[in-house]
C-alpha atoms as a PDB file:
ATOM      1  CA  UNK A   1       0.565 145.938  98.948  1.00  0.00           C
ATOM      2  CA  UNK A   2      -0.429 145.578 102.726  1.00  0.00           C
ATOM      3  CA  UNK A   3      -1.917 149.070 104.034  1.00  0.00           C
ATOM      4  CA  UNK A   4       0.454 150.397 107.129  1.00  0.00           C
ATOM      5  CA  UNK A   5      -2.035 150.921 109.639  1.00  0.00           C
ATOM      6  CA  UNK A   6      -1.744 150.072 113.208  1.00  0.00           C
ATOM      7  CA  UNK A   7      -2.775 146.456 112.839  1.00  0.00           C
ATOM      8  CA  UNK A   8       0.114 146.052 110.736  1.00  0.00           C
ATOM      9  CA  UNK A   9       2.941 147.506 112.855  1.00  0.00           C
ATOM     10  CA  UNK A  10       5.126 146.277 115.226  1.00  0.00           C
ATOM     11  CA  UNK A  11       4.362 148.852 117.947  1.00  0.00           C
ATOM     12  CA  UNK A  12       0.750 148.008 118.279  1.00  0.00           C
ATOM     13  CA  UNK A  13      -0.584 146.344 121.259  1.00  0.00           C
ATOM     14  CA  UNK A  14      -4.052 144.773 120.497  1.00  0.00           C
ATOM     15  CA  UNK A  15      -6.854 144.743 123.014  1.00  0.00           C
ATOM     16  CA  UNK A  16      -8.605 141.242 123.145  1.00  0.00           C
ATOM     17  CA  UNK A  17     -12.171 141.235 121.717  1.00  0.00           C
ATOM     18  CA  UNK A  18     -11.719 144.848 120.539  1.00  0.00           C
ATOM     19  CA  UNK A  19     -11.089 146.786 117.549  1.00  0.00           C
ATOM     20  CA  UNK A  20      -8.634 149.302 119.325  1.00  0.00           C
ATOM     21  CA  UNK A  21      -5.387 148.389 121.024  1.00  0.00           C
ATOM     22  CA  UNK A  22      -2.496 150.994 122.656  1.00  0.00           C
ATOM     23  CA  UNK A  23       0.504 152.564 120.049  1.00  0.00           C
ATOM     24  CA  UNK A  24       3.692 151.285 122.145  1.00  0.00           C
ATOM     25  CA  UNK A  25       6.322 153.682 119.833  1.00  0.00           C
ATOM     26  CA  UNK A  26       6.546 155.901 122.569  1.00  0.00           C
ATOM     27  CA  UNK A  27       6.387 156.230 126.112  1.00  0.00           C
ATOM     28  CA  UNK A  28       2.884 157.245 127.458  1.00  0.00           C
ATOM     29  CA  UNK A  29       2.844 160.937 128.096  1.00  0.00           C
ATOM     30  CA  UNK A  30       2.879 161.656 131.710  1.00  0.00           C
ATOM     31  CA  UNK A  31       0.462 164.628 133.222  1.00  0.00           C
ATOM     32  CA  UNK A  32      -0.993 165.253 136.634  1.00  0.00           C
ATOM     33  CA  UNK A  33      -4.238 163.595 135.509  1.00  0.00           C
ATOM     34  CA  UNK A  34      -3.465 160.587 133.319  1.00  0.00           C
ATOM     35  CA  UNK A  35      -0.738 158.332 132.663  1.00  0.00           C
ATOM     36  CA  UNK A  36      -1.399 156.157 129.622  1.00  0.00           C
ATOM     37  CA  UNK A  37      -0.365 154.743 126.133  1.00  0.00           C
ATOM     38  CA  UNK A  38      -2.099 156.085 123.165  1.00  0.00           C
ATOM     39  CA  UNK A  39      -5.440 154.287 121.990  1.00  0.00           C
ATOM     40  CA  UNK A  40      -5.561 153.649 118.332  1.00  0.00           C
ATOM     41  CA  UNK A  41      -7.922 151.913 115.914  1.00  0.00           C
ATOM     42  CA  UNK A  42      -6.370 148.693 114.552  1.00  0.00           C
ATOM     43  CA  UNK A  43      -7.551 149.079 110.893  1.00  0.00           C
ATOM     44  CA  UNK A  44      -7.988 152.956 110.504  1.00  0.00           C
ATOM     45  CA  UNK A  45      -5.278 154.788 112.371  1.00  0.00           C
ATOM     46  CA  UNK A  46      -2.176 155.211 110.976  1.00  0.00           C
ATOM     47  CA  UNK A  47       1.266 157.402 111.313  1.00  0.00           C
ATOM     48  CA  UNK A  48       4.312 158.156 109.901  1.00  0.00           C
ATOM     49  CA  UNK A  49       6.462 156.103 111.967  1.00  0.00           C
ATOM     50  CA  UNK A  50       5.386 152.792 110.711  1.00  0.00           C
ATOM     51  CA  UNK A  51       7.400 149.605 111.086  1.00  0.00           C
ATOM     52  CA  UNK A  52       6.046 146.512 109.935  1.00  0.00           C
ATOM     53  CA  UNK A  53       5.820 143.274 112.107  1.00  0.00           C
ATOM     54  CA  UNK A  54       8.788 141.223 111.454  1.00  0.00           C
ATOM     55  CA  UNK A  55       7.856 137.863 109.731  1.00  0.00           C
ATOM     56  CA  UNK A  56       8.116 134.873 111.483  1.00  0.00           C
ATOM     57  CA  UNK A  57      11.639 132.893 110.821  1.00  0.00           C
ATOM     58  CA  UNK A  58      11.176 130.010 108.480  1.00  0.00           C
ATOM     59  CA  UNK A  59      11.131 126.715 109.414  1.00  0.00           C
ATOM     60  CA  UNK A  60      14.485 124.448 109.036  1.00  0.00           C
ATOM     61  CA  UNK A  61      14.247 121.945 106.257  1.00  0.00           C
ATOM     62  CA  UNK A  62      16.290 118.727 106.412  1.00  0.00           C
ATOM     63  CA  UNK A  63      19.122 120.379 104.573  1.00  0.00           C
ATOM     64  CA  UNK A  64      19.535 122.688 107.210  1.00  0.00           C
ATOM     65  CA  UNK A  65      19.230 120.656 110.029  1.00  0.00           C
ATOM     66  CA  UNK A  66      22.063 118.412 108.470  1.00  0.00           C
ATOM     67  CA  UNK A  67      24.305 121.366 108.178  1.00  0.00           C
ATOM     68  CA  UNK A  68      23.675 122.474 111.908  1.00  0.00           C
ATOM     69  CA  UNK A  69      24.108 118.793 113.025  1.00  0.00           C
ATOM     70  CA  UNK A  70      27.407 118.746 111.248  1.00  0.00           C
ATOM     71  CA  UNK A  71      28.833 121.969 112.470  1.00  0.00           C
ATOM     72  CA  UNK A  72      27.693 120.954 116.172  1.00  0.00           C
ATOM     73  CA  UNK A  73      29.398 117.611 115.771  1.00  0.00           C
ATOM     74  CA  UNK A  74      32.862 119.266 114.387  1.00  0.00           C
ATOM     75  CA  UNK A  75      32.609 121.735 117.188  1.00  0.00           C
ATOM     76  CA  UNK A  76      32.386 118.698 119.797  1.00  0.00           C
ATOM     77  CA  UNK A  77      35.095 116.871 118.442  1.00  0.00           C
ATOM     78  CA  UNK A  78      37.696 119.821 117.860  1.00  0.00           C
ATOM     79  CA  UNK A  79      36.871 121.455 121.397  1.00  0.00           C
ATOM     80  CA  UNK A  80      36.045 118.472 123.474  1.00  0.00           C
ATOM     81  CA  UNK A  81      37.884 116.977 126.093  1.00  0.00           C
ATOM     82  CA  UNK A  82      41.596 115.428 125.366  1.00  0.00           C
ATOM     83  CA  UNK A  83      42.192 113.198 127.595  1.00  0.00           C
ATOM     84  CA  UNK A  84      39.948 110.276 126.918  1.00  0.00           C
ATOM     85  CA  UNK A  85      40.940 108.749 123.456  1.00  0.00           C
ATOM     86  CA  UNK A  86      38.043 106.757 123.075  1.00  0.00           C
ATOM     87  CA  UNK A  87      35.526 109.497 123.216  1.00  0.00           C
ATOM     88  CA  UNK A  88      37.713 111.613 120.992  1.00  0.00           C
ATOM     89  CA  UNK A  89      37.267 108.523 118.514  1.00  0.00           C
ATOM     90  CA  UNK A  90      33.338 108.517 119.091  1.00  0.00           C
ATOM     91  CA  UNK A  91      32.848 112.243 118.273  1.00  0.00           C
ATOM     92  CA  UNK A  92      35.198 112.464 115.201  1.00  0.00           C
ATOM     93  CA  UNK A  93      32.818 109.279 114.076  1.00  0.00           C
ATOM     94  CA  UNK A  94      29.658 111.271 114.431  1.00  0.00           C
ATOM     95  CA  UNK A  95      31.188 114.155 113.099  1.00  0.00           C
ATOM     96  CA  UNK A  96      32.025 112.203 109.911  1.00  0.00           C
ATOM     97  CA  UNK A  97      28.566 110.680 109.876  1.00  0.00           C
ATOM     98  CA  UNK A  98      27.241 114.015 110.347  1.00  0.00           C
ATOM     99  CA  UNK A  99      29.122 115.416 107.094  1.00  0.00           C
ATOM    100  CA  UNK A 100      28.390 112.348 105.159  1.00  0.00           C
ATOM    101  CA  UNK A 101      24.504 113.349 105.771  1.00  0.00           C
ATOM    102  CA  UNK A 102      24.613 116.498 104.865  1.00  0.00           C
ATOM    103  CA  UNK A 103      26.864 115.854 101.688  1.00  0.00           C
ATOM    104  CA  UNK A 104      24.132 113.215 100.679  1.00  0.00           C
ATOM    105  CA  UNK A 105      21.304 115.908 101.128  1.00  0.00           C
ATOM    106  CA  UNK A 106      23.402 118.595  99.285  1.00  0.00           C
ATOM    107  CA  UNK A 107      24.480 116.305  96.557  1.00  0.00           C
ATOM    108  CA  UNK A 108      20.319 115.713  95.979  1.00  0.00           C
ATOM    109  CA  UNK A 109      19.920 119.552  96.127  1.00  0.00           C
ATOM    110  CA  UNK A 110      22.540 120.564  94.175  1.00  0.00           C
ATOM    111  CA  UNK A 111      23.109 117.770  91.842  1.00  0.00           C
ATOM    112  CA  UNK A 112      26.478 115.948  91.295  1.00  0.00           C
END
């Protein structure tokens, strides 16, 4: 388990080349003399309002990209302009090709 320190919190703002940073959980206190974000030590400080940094989204794999391409092709076909019949046929063929590519990957992944 990761220690819940300022360095692992989503509100922590690191300062370059320093072991310290600024806590951005709440607005800085305002007084007659100063207004600044609280300075905290990255690895030593902690509080009761820690929120972990959200993980980066996973990279898309071929399967996901194929599903997205199929959905986009279907949407272009269904919601495209109605006037040009040749364009509608091209969009339909593109949607069917995207569907076939997705289904090939689906069968590889799930069998069948």
